Amino acid sequence: MAAKGLVEISVETCKGCGLCVHYCPMKCLAINEADTNSYGLHYAQSVEPDKCIGCANCAVMCPDGAITVYKQSN
């Protein structure tokens, strides 16, 4: 059975560069256009968490280390 992932994004660390969104093969991340962190920056968020396969492309591409991916077997 396919693995499932869980993406955890540090809102205060994320600067909203969008690299994680671009490199997510399942398109389960997006930039939150409605809210900002304490620095006034829009941040990434998981919009389709059930689609995450735990590949960790987002975490690898994040220049600020704001993303942690947990992988679990179903």
PDB file of N, CA and C in Angstrom:
ATOM      1  N   MET A   1       0.833  -1.176   0.000  1.00  0.00           N
ATOM      2  CA  MET A   1       0.000   0.000   0.000  1.00  0.00           C
ATOM      3  C   MET A   1       0.885   1.249   0.000  1.00  0.00           C
ATOM      4  N   ALA A   2       0.409   2.294  -0.615  1.00  0.00           N
ATOM      5  CA  ALA A   2       1.189   3.521  -0.735  1.00  0.00           C
ATOM      6  C   ALA A   2       1.362   4.205   0.612  1.00  0.00           C
ATOM      7  N   ALA A   3       2.499   4.851   0.763  1.00  0.00           N
ATOM      8  CA  ALA A   3       2.776   5.580   2.002  1.00  0.00           C
ATOM      9  C   ALA A   3       1.997   6.887   2.015  1.00  0.00           C
ATOM     10  N   LYS A   4       1.733   7.372   3.188  1.00  0.00           N
ATOM     11  CA  LYS A   4       1.034   8.640   3.363  1.00  0.00           C
ATOM     12  C   LYS A   4       1.983   9.588   4.075  1.00  0.00           C
ATOM     13  N   GLY A   5       1.909  10.840   3.698  1.00  0.00           N
ATOM     14  CA  GLY A   5       2.770  11.830   4.322  1.00  0.00           C
ATOM     15  C   GLY A   5       1.984  12.863   5.099  1.00  0.00           C
ATOM     16  N   LEU A   6       2.682  13.516   5.992  1.00  0.00           N
ATOM     17  CA  LEU A   6       2.111  14.612   6.758  1.00  0.00           C
ATOM     18  C   LEU A   6       3.114  15.763   6.709  1.00  0.00           C
ATOM     19  N   VAL A   7       2.690  16.891   6.177  1.00  0.00           N
ATOM     20  CA  VAL A   7       3.554  18.062   6.042  1.00  0.00           C
ATOM     21  C   VAL A   7       3.272  19.024   7.186  1.00  0.00           C
ATOM     22  N   GLU A   8       4.337  19.421   7.860  1.00  0.00           N
ATOM     23  CA  GLU A   8       4.231  20.405   8.936  1.00  0.00           C
ATOM     24  C   GLU A   8       5.042  21.630   8.520  1.00  0.00           C
ATOM     25  N   ILE A   9       4.384  22.786   8.448  1.00  0.00           N
ATOM     26  CA  ILE A   9       5.038  24.018   8.001  1.00  0.00           C
ATOM     27  C   ILE A   9       5.091  25.013   9.148  1.00  0.00           C
ATOM     28  N   SER A  10       6.283  25.525   9.419  1.00  0.00           N
ATOM     29  CA  SER A  10       6.445  26.559  10.444  1.00  0.00           C
ATOM     30  C   SER A  10       6.023  27.898   9.835  1.00  0.00           C
ATOM     31  N   VAL A  11       4.876  28.377  10.244  1.00  0.00           N
ATOM     32  CA  VAL A  11       4.309  29.607   9.688  1.00  0.00           C
ATOM     33  C   VAL A  11       5.255  30.789   9.886  1.00  0.00           C
ATOM     34  N   GLU A  12       5.881  30.884  11.034  1.00  0.00           N
ATOM     35  CA  GLU A  12       6.760  32.022  11.310  1.00  0.00           C
ATOM     36  C   GLU A  12       8.077  31.959  10.542  1.00  0.00           C
ATOM     37  N   THR A  13       8.515  30.768  10.172  1.00  0.00           N
ATOM     38  CA  THR A  13       9.767  30.621   9.435  1.00  0.00           C
ATOM     39  C   THR A  13       9.568  30.767   7.936  1.00  0.00           C
ATOM     40  N   CYS A  14       8.397  30.413   7.451  1.00  0.00           N
ATOM     41  CA  CYS A  14       8.103  30.444   6.012  1.00  0.00           C
ATOM     42  C   CYS A  14       8.026  31.880   5.514  1.00  0.00           C
ATOM     43  N   LYS A  15       8.724  32.143   4.402  1.00  0.00           N
ATOM     44  CA  LYS A  15       8.670  33.473   3.802  1.00  0.00           C
ATOM     45  C   LYS A  15       7.793  33.511   2.553  1.00  0.00           C
ATOM     46  N   GLY A  16       7.168  32.390   2.221  1.00  0.00           N
ATOM     47  CA  GLY A  16       6.226  32.357   1.102  1.00  0.00           C
ATOM     48  C   GLY A  16       6.857  32.405  -0.269  1.00  0.00           C
ATOM     49  N   CYS A  17       8.040  31.843  -0.412  1.00  0.00           N
ATOM     50  CA  CYS A  17       8.728  31.890  -1.707  1.00  0.00           C
ATOM     51  C   CYS A  17       8.048  31.029  -2.769  1.00  0.00           C
ATOM     52  N   GLY A  18       7.307  30.003  -2.344  1.00  0.00           N
ATOM     53  CA  GLY A  18       6.555  29.174  -3.280  1.00  0.00           C
ATOM     54  C   GLY A  18       7.305  28.002  -3.880  1.00  0.00           C
ATOM     55  N   LEU A  19       8.556  27.792  -3.493  1.00  0.00           N
ATOM     56  CA  LEU A  19       9.305  26.656  -4.046  1.00  0.00           C
ATOM     57  C   LEU A  19       8.653  25.324  -3.687  1.00  0.00           C
ATOM     58  N   CYS A  20       8.168  25.204  -2.474  1.00  0.00           N
ATOM     59  CA  CYS A  20       7.520  23.960  -2.055  1.00  0.00           C
ATOM     60  C   CYS A  20       6.275  23.689  -2.884  1.00  0.00           C
ATOM     61  N   VAL A  21       5.522  24.728  -3.163  1.00  0.00           N
ATOM     62  CA  VAL A  21       4.303  24.596  -3.967  1.00  0.00           C
ATOM     63  C   VAL A  21       4.662  24.131  -5.373  1.00  0.00           C
ATOM     64  N   HIS A  22       5.678  24.738  -5.941  1.00  0.00           N
ATOM     65  CA  HIS A  22       6.097  24.411  -7.301  1.00  0.00           C
ATOM     66  C   HIS A  22       6.586  22.970  -7.432  1.00  0.00           C
ATOM     67  N   TYR A  23       7.339  22.491  -6.461  1.00  0.00           N
ATOM     68  CA  TYR A  23       7.953  21.168  -6.561  1.00  0.00           C
ATOM     69  C   TYR A  23       7.123  20.025  -5.972  1.00  0.00           C
ATOM     70  N   CYS A  24       5.953  20.306  -5.448  1.00  0.00           N
ATOM     71  CA  CYS A  24       5.096  19.241  -4.917  1.00  0.00           C
ATOM     72  C   CYS A  24       4.439  18.495  -6.083  1.00  0.00           C
ATOM     73  N   PRO A  25       4.766  17.212  -6.264  1.00  0.00           N
ATOM     74  CA  PRO A  25       4.203  16.473  -7.404  1.00  0.00           C
ATOM     75  C   PRO A  25       2.707  16.206  -7.279  1.00  0.00           C
ATOM     76  N   MET A  26       2.195  16.229  -6.068  1.00  0.00           N
ATOM     77  CA  MET A  26       0.770  15.951  -5.844  1.00  0.00           C
ATOM     78  C   MET A  26      -0.067  17.229  -5.749  1.00  0.00           C
ATOM     79  N   LYS A  27       0.589  18.377  -5.813  1.00  0.00           N
ATOM     80  CA  LYS A  27      -0.084  19.678  -5.749  1.00  0.00           C
ATOM     81  C   LYS A  27      -0.970  19.802  -4.508  1.00  0.00           C
ATOM     82  N   CYS A  28      -0.412  19.424  -3.372  1.00  0.00           N
ATOM     83  CA  CYS A  28      -1.192  19.512  -2.131  1.00  0.00           C
ATOM     84  C   CYS A  28      -0.798  20.709  -1.269  1.00  0.00           C
ATOM     85  N   LEU A  29       0.072  21.579  -1.767  1.00  0.00           N
ATOM     86  CA  LEU A  29       0.465  22.787  -1.041  1.00  0.00           C
ATOM     87  C   LEU A  29       0.071  24.030  -1.829  1.00  0.00           C
ATOM     88  N   ALA A  30      -0.137  25.129  -1.121  1.00  0.00           N
ATOM     89  CA  ALA A  30      -0.456  26.407  -1.750  1.00  0.00           C
ATOM     90  C   ALA A  30      -0.015  27.528  -0.823  1.00  0.00           C
ATOM     91  N   ILE A  31       0.147  28.706  -1.381  1.00  0.00           N
ATOM     92  CA  ILE A  31       0.455  29.883  -0.572  1.00  0.00           C
ATOM     93  C   ILE A  31      -0.862  30.435  -0.038  1.00  0.00           C
ATOM     94  N   ASN A  32      -0.908  30.686   1.253  1.00  0.00           N
ATOM     95  CA  ASN A  32      -2.099  31.232   1.896  1.00  0.00           C
ATOM     96  C   ASN A  32      -2.176  32.724   1.561  1.00  0.00           C
ATOM     97  N   GLU A  33      -3.050  33.080   0.655  1.00  0.00           N
ATOM     98  CA  GLU A  33      -3.194  34.478   0.236  1.00  0.00           C
ATOM     99  C   GLU A  33      -4.063  35.278   1.200  1.00  0.00           C
ATOM    100  N   ALA A  34      -4.790  34.600   2.082  1.00  0.00           N
ATOM    101  CA  ALA A  34      -5.732  35.276   2.970  1.00  0.00           C
ATOM    102  C   ALA A  34      -5.131  35.699   4.303  1.00  0.00           C
ATOM    103  N   ASP A  35      -3.985  35.151   4.656  1.00  0.00           N
ATOM    104  CA  ASP A  35      -3.421  35.423   5.975  1.00  0.00           C
ATOM    105  C   ASP A  35      -1.910  35.624   5.860  1.00  0.00           C
ATOM    106  N   THR A  36      -1.339  36.259   6.864  1.00  0.00           N
ATOM    107  CA  THR A  36       0.113  36.464   6.902  1.00  0.00           C
ATOM    108  C   THR A  36       0.646  36.069   8.270  1.00  0.00           C
ATOM    109  N   ASN A  37       1.962  35.843   8.322  1.00  0.00           N
ATOM    110  CA  ASN A  37       2.597  35.565   9.613  1.00  0.00           C
ATOM    111  C   ASN A  37       2.924  36.900  10.289  1.00  0.00           C
ATOM    112  N   SER A  38       3.622  36.864  11.400  1.00  0.00           N
ATOM    113  CA  SER A  38       3.906  38.098  12.146  1.00  0.00           C
ATOM    114  C   SER A  38       4.849  39.048  11.401  1.00  0.00           C
ATOM    115  N   TYR A  39       5.505  38.555  10.348  1.00  0.00           N
ATOM    116  CA  TYR A  39       6.377  39.395   9.527  1.00  0.00           C
ATOM    117  C   TYR A  39       5.634  40.022   8.355  1.00  0.00           C
ATOM    118  N   GLY A  40       4.351  39.702   8.237  1.00  0.00           N
ATOM    119  CA  GLY A  40       3.552  40.234   7.133  1.00  0.00           C
ATOM    120  C   GLY A  40       3.705  39.465   5.845  1.00  0.00           C
ATOM    121  N   LEU A  41       4.216  38.245   5.925  1.00  0.00           N
ATOM    122  CA  LEU A  41       4.443  37.427   4.735  1.00  0.00           C
ATOM    123  C   LEU A  41       3.381  36.340   4.607  1.00  0.00           C
ATOM    124  N   HIS A  42       2.916  36.134   3.388  1.00  0.00           N
ATOM    125  CA  HIS A  42       2.020  35.016   3.134  1.00  0.00           C
ATOM    126  C   HIS A  42       2.854  33.744   3.225  1.00  0.00           C
ATOM    127  N   TYR A  43       2.290  32.702   3.773  1.00  0.00           N
ATOM    128  CA  TYR A  43       3.037  31.466   4.019  1.00  0.00           C
ATOM    129  C   TYR A  43       2.392  30.287   3.316  1.00  0.00           C
ATOM    130  N   ALA A  44       3.161  29.232   3.166  1.00  0.00           N
ATOM    131  CA  ALA A  44       2.658  28.014   2.532  1.00  0.00           C
ATOM    132  C   ALA A  44       1.773  27.254   3.510  1.00  0.00           C
ATOM    133  N   GLN A  45       0.834  26.514   2.953  1.00  0.00           N
ATOM    134  CA  GLN A  45      -0.037  25.682   3.771  1.00  0.00           C
ATOM    135  C   GLN A  45      -0.420  24.429   2.985  1.00  0.00           C
ATOM    136  N   SER A  46      -0.795  23.414   3.704  1.00  0.00           N
ATOM    137  CA  SER A  46      -1.260  22.174   3.096  1.00  0.00           C
ATOM    138  C   SER A  46      -2.738  22.332   2.786  1.00  0.00           C
ATOM    139  N   VAL A  47      -3.097  22.234   1.506  1.00  0.00           N
ATOM    140  CA  VAL A  47      -4.498  22.413   1.116  1.00  0.00           C
ATOM    141  C   VAL A  47      -5.185  21.093   0.771  1.00  0.00           C
ATOM    142  N   GLU A  48      -4.402  20.067   0.474  1.00  0.00           N
ATOM    143  CA  GLU A  48      -4.940  18.740   0.163  1.00  0.00           C
ATOM    144  C   GLU A  48      -4.108  17.694   0.898  1.00  0.00           C
ATOM    145  N   PRO A  49      -4.183  17.659   2.233  1.00  0.00           N
ATOM    146  CA  PRO A  49      -3.308  16.771   3.007  1.00  0.00           C
ATOM    147  C   PRO A  49      -3.484  15.284   2.692  1.00  0.00           C
ATOM    148  N   ASP A  50      -4.656  14.882   2.249  1.00  0.00           N
ATOM    149  CA  ASP A  50      -4.886  13.468   1.936  1.00  0.00           C
ATOM    150  C   ASP A  50      -4.142  13.009   0.680  1.00  0.00           C
ATOM    151  N   LYS A  51      -3.719  13.959  -0.149  1.00  0.00           N
ATOM    152  CA  LYS A  51      -2.995  13.612  -1.369  1.00  0.00           C
ATOM    153  C   LYS A  51      -1.487  13.462  -1.156  1.00  0.00           C
ATOM    154  N   CYS A  52      -0.989  13.901  -0.001  1.00  0.00           N
ATOM    155  CA  CYS A  52       0.446  13.880   0.274  1.00  0.00           C
ATOM    156  C   CYS A  52       0.974  12.446   0.335  1.00  0.00           C
ATOM    157  N   ILE A  53       2.064  12.203  -0.409  1.00  0.00           N
ATOM    158  CA  ILE A  53       2.686  10.872  -0.439  1.00  0.00           C
ATOM    159  C   ILE A  53       3.973  10.821   0.386  1.00  0.00           C
ATOM    160  N   GLY A  54       4.328  11.920   1.009  1.00  0.00           N
ATOM    161  CA  GLY A  54       5.513  11.947   1.868  1.00  0.00           C
ATOM    162  C   GLY A  54       6.829  11.932   1.122  1.00  0.00           C
ATOM    163  N   CYS A  55       6.854  12.449  -0.091  1.00  0.00           N
ATOM    164  CA  CYS A  55       8.093  12.433  -0.888  1.00  0.00           C
ATOM    165  C   CYS A  55       9.153  13.381  -0.333  1.00  0.00           C
ATOM    166  N   ALA A  56       8.737  14.407   0.400  1.00  0.00           N
ATOM    167  CA  ALA A  56       9.607  15.407   1.032  1.00  0.00           C
ATOM    168  C   ALA A  56      10.289  16.344   0.047  1.00  0.00           C
ATOM    169  N   ASN A  57       9.810  16.411  -1.192  1.00  0.00           N
ATOM    170  CA  ASN A  57      10.357  17.391  -2.135  1.00  0.00           C
ATOM    171  C   ASN A  57      10.226  18.801  -1.571  1.00  0.00           C
ATOM    172  N   CYS A  58       9.115  19.082  -0.933  1.00  0.00           N
ATOM    173  CA  CYS A  58       8.881  20.414  -0.375  1.00  0.00           C
ATOM    174  C   CYS A  58       9.927  20.760   0.679  1.00  0.00           C
ATOM    175  N   ALA A  59      10.216  19.827   1.552  1.00  0.00           N
ATOM    176  CA  ALA A  59      11.189  20.071   2.617  1.00  0.00           C
ATOM    177  C   ALA A  59      12.601  20.237   2.067  1.00  0.00           C
ATOM    178  N   VAL A  60      12.929  19.464   1.054  1.00  0.00           N
ATOM    179  CA  VAL A  60      14.256  19.555   0.442  1.00  0.00           C
ATOM    180  C   VAL A  60      14.437  20.899  -0.258  1.00  0.00           C
ATOM    181  N   MET A  61      13.401  21.379  -0.907  1.00  0.00           N
ATOM    182  CA  MET A  61      13.499  22.620  -1.671  1.00  0.00           C
ATOM    183  C   MET A  61      13.377  23.874  -0.809  1.00  0.00           C
ATOM    184  N   CYS A  62      12.855  23.756   0.395  1.00  0.00           N
ATOM    185  CA  CYS A  62      12.655  24.927   1.252  1.00  0.00           C
ATOM    186  C   CYS A  62      13.998  25.530   1.674  1.00  0.00           C
ATOM    187  N   PRO A  63      14.284  26.768   1.263  1.00  0.00           N
ATOM    188  CA  PRO A  63      15.574  27.373   1.612  1.00  0.00           C
ATOM    189  C   PRO A  63      15.672  27.781   3.086  1.00  0.00           C
ATOM    190  N   ASP A  64      14.550  27.797   3.778  1.00  0.00           N
ATOM    191  CA  ASP A  64      14.540  28.245   5.168  1.00  0.00           C
ATOM    192  C   ASP A  64      14.342  27.126   6.171  1.00  0.00           C
ATOM    193  N   GLY A  65      14.223  25.884   5.705  1.00  0.00           N
ATOM    194  CA  GLY A  65      14.031  24.762   6.616  1.00  0.00           C
ATOM    195  C   GLY A  65      12.734  24.850   7.390  1.00  0.00           C
ATOM    196  N   ALA A  66      11.712  25.418   6.780  1.00  0.00           N
ATOM    197  CA  ALA A  66      10.434  25.633   7.456  1.00  0.00           C
ATOM    198  C   ALA A  66       9.491  24.435   7.369  1.00  0.00           C
ATOM    199  N   ILE A  67       9.897  23.399   6.646  1.00  0.00           N
ATOM    200  CA  ILE A  67       8.993  22.269   6.408  1.00  0.00           C
ATOM    201  C   ILE A  67       9.588  20.971   6.945  1.00  0.00           C
ATOM    202  N   THR A  68       8.753  20.230   7.648  1.00  0.00           N
ATOM    203  CA  THR A  68       9.093  18.884   8.106  1.00  0.00           C
ATOM    204  C   THR A  68       8.044  17.946   7.541  1.00  0.00           C
ATOM    205  N   VAL A  69       8.508  16.812   6.997  1.00  0.00           N
ATOM    206  CA  VAL A  69       7.580  15.833   6.438  1.00  0.00           C
ATOM    207  C   VAL A  69       7.705  14.552   7.230  1.00  0.00           C
ATOM    208  N   TYR A  70       6.567  14.059   7.669  1.00  0.00           N
ATOM    209  CA  TYR A  70       6.497  12.781   8.375  1.00  0.00           C
ATOM    210  C   TYR A  70       5.865  11.777   7.433  1.00  0.00           C
ATOM    211  N   LYS A  71       6.424  10.579   7.405  1.00  0.00           N
ATOM    212  CA  LYS A  71       5.919   9.535   6.515  1.00  0.00           C
ATOM    213  C   LYS A  71       5.431   8.372   7.345  1.00  0.00           C
ATOM    214  N   GLN A  72       4.258   7.876   7.010  1.00  0.00           N
ATOM    215  CA  GLN A  72       3.695   6.747   7.738  1.00  0.00           C
ATOM    216  C   GLN A  72       3.111   5.754   6.753  1.00  0.00           C
ATOM    217  N   SER A  73       3.182   4.487   7.085  1.00  0.00           N
ATOM    218  CA  SER A  73       2.592   3.455   6.248  1.00  0.00           C
ATOM    219  C   SER A  73       1.116   3.381   6.548  1.00  0.00           C
ATOM    220  N   ASN A  74       0.359   3.083   5.525  1.00  0.00           N
ATOM    221  CA  ASN A  74      -1.096   2.928   5.710  1.00  0.00           C
ATOM    222  C   ASN A  74      -1.444   1.557   6.160  1.00  0.00           C
TER     223      ASN A  74
END
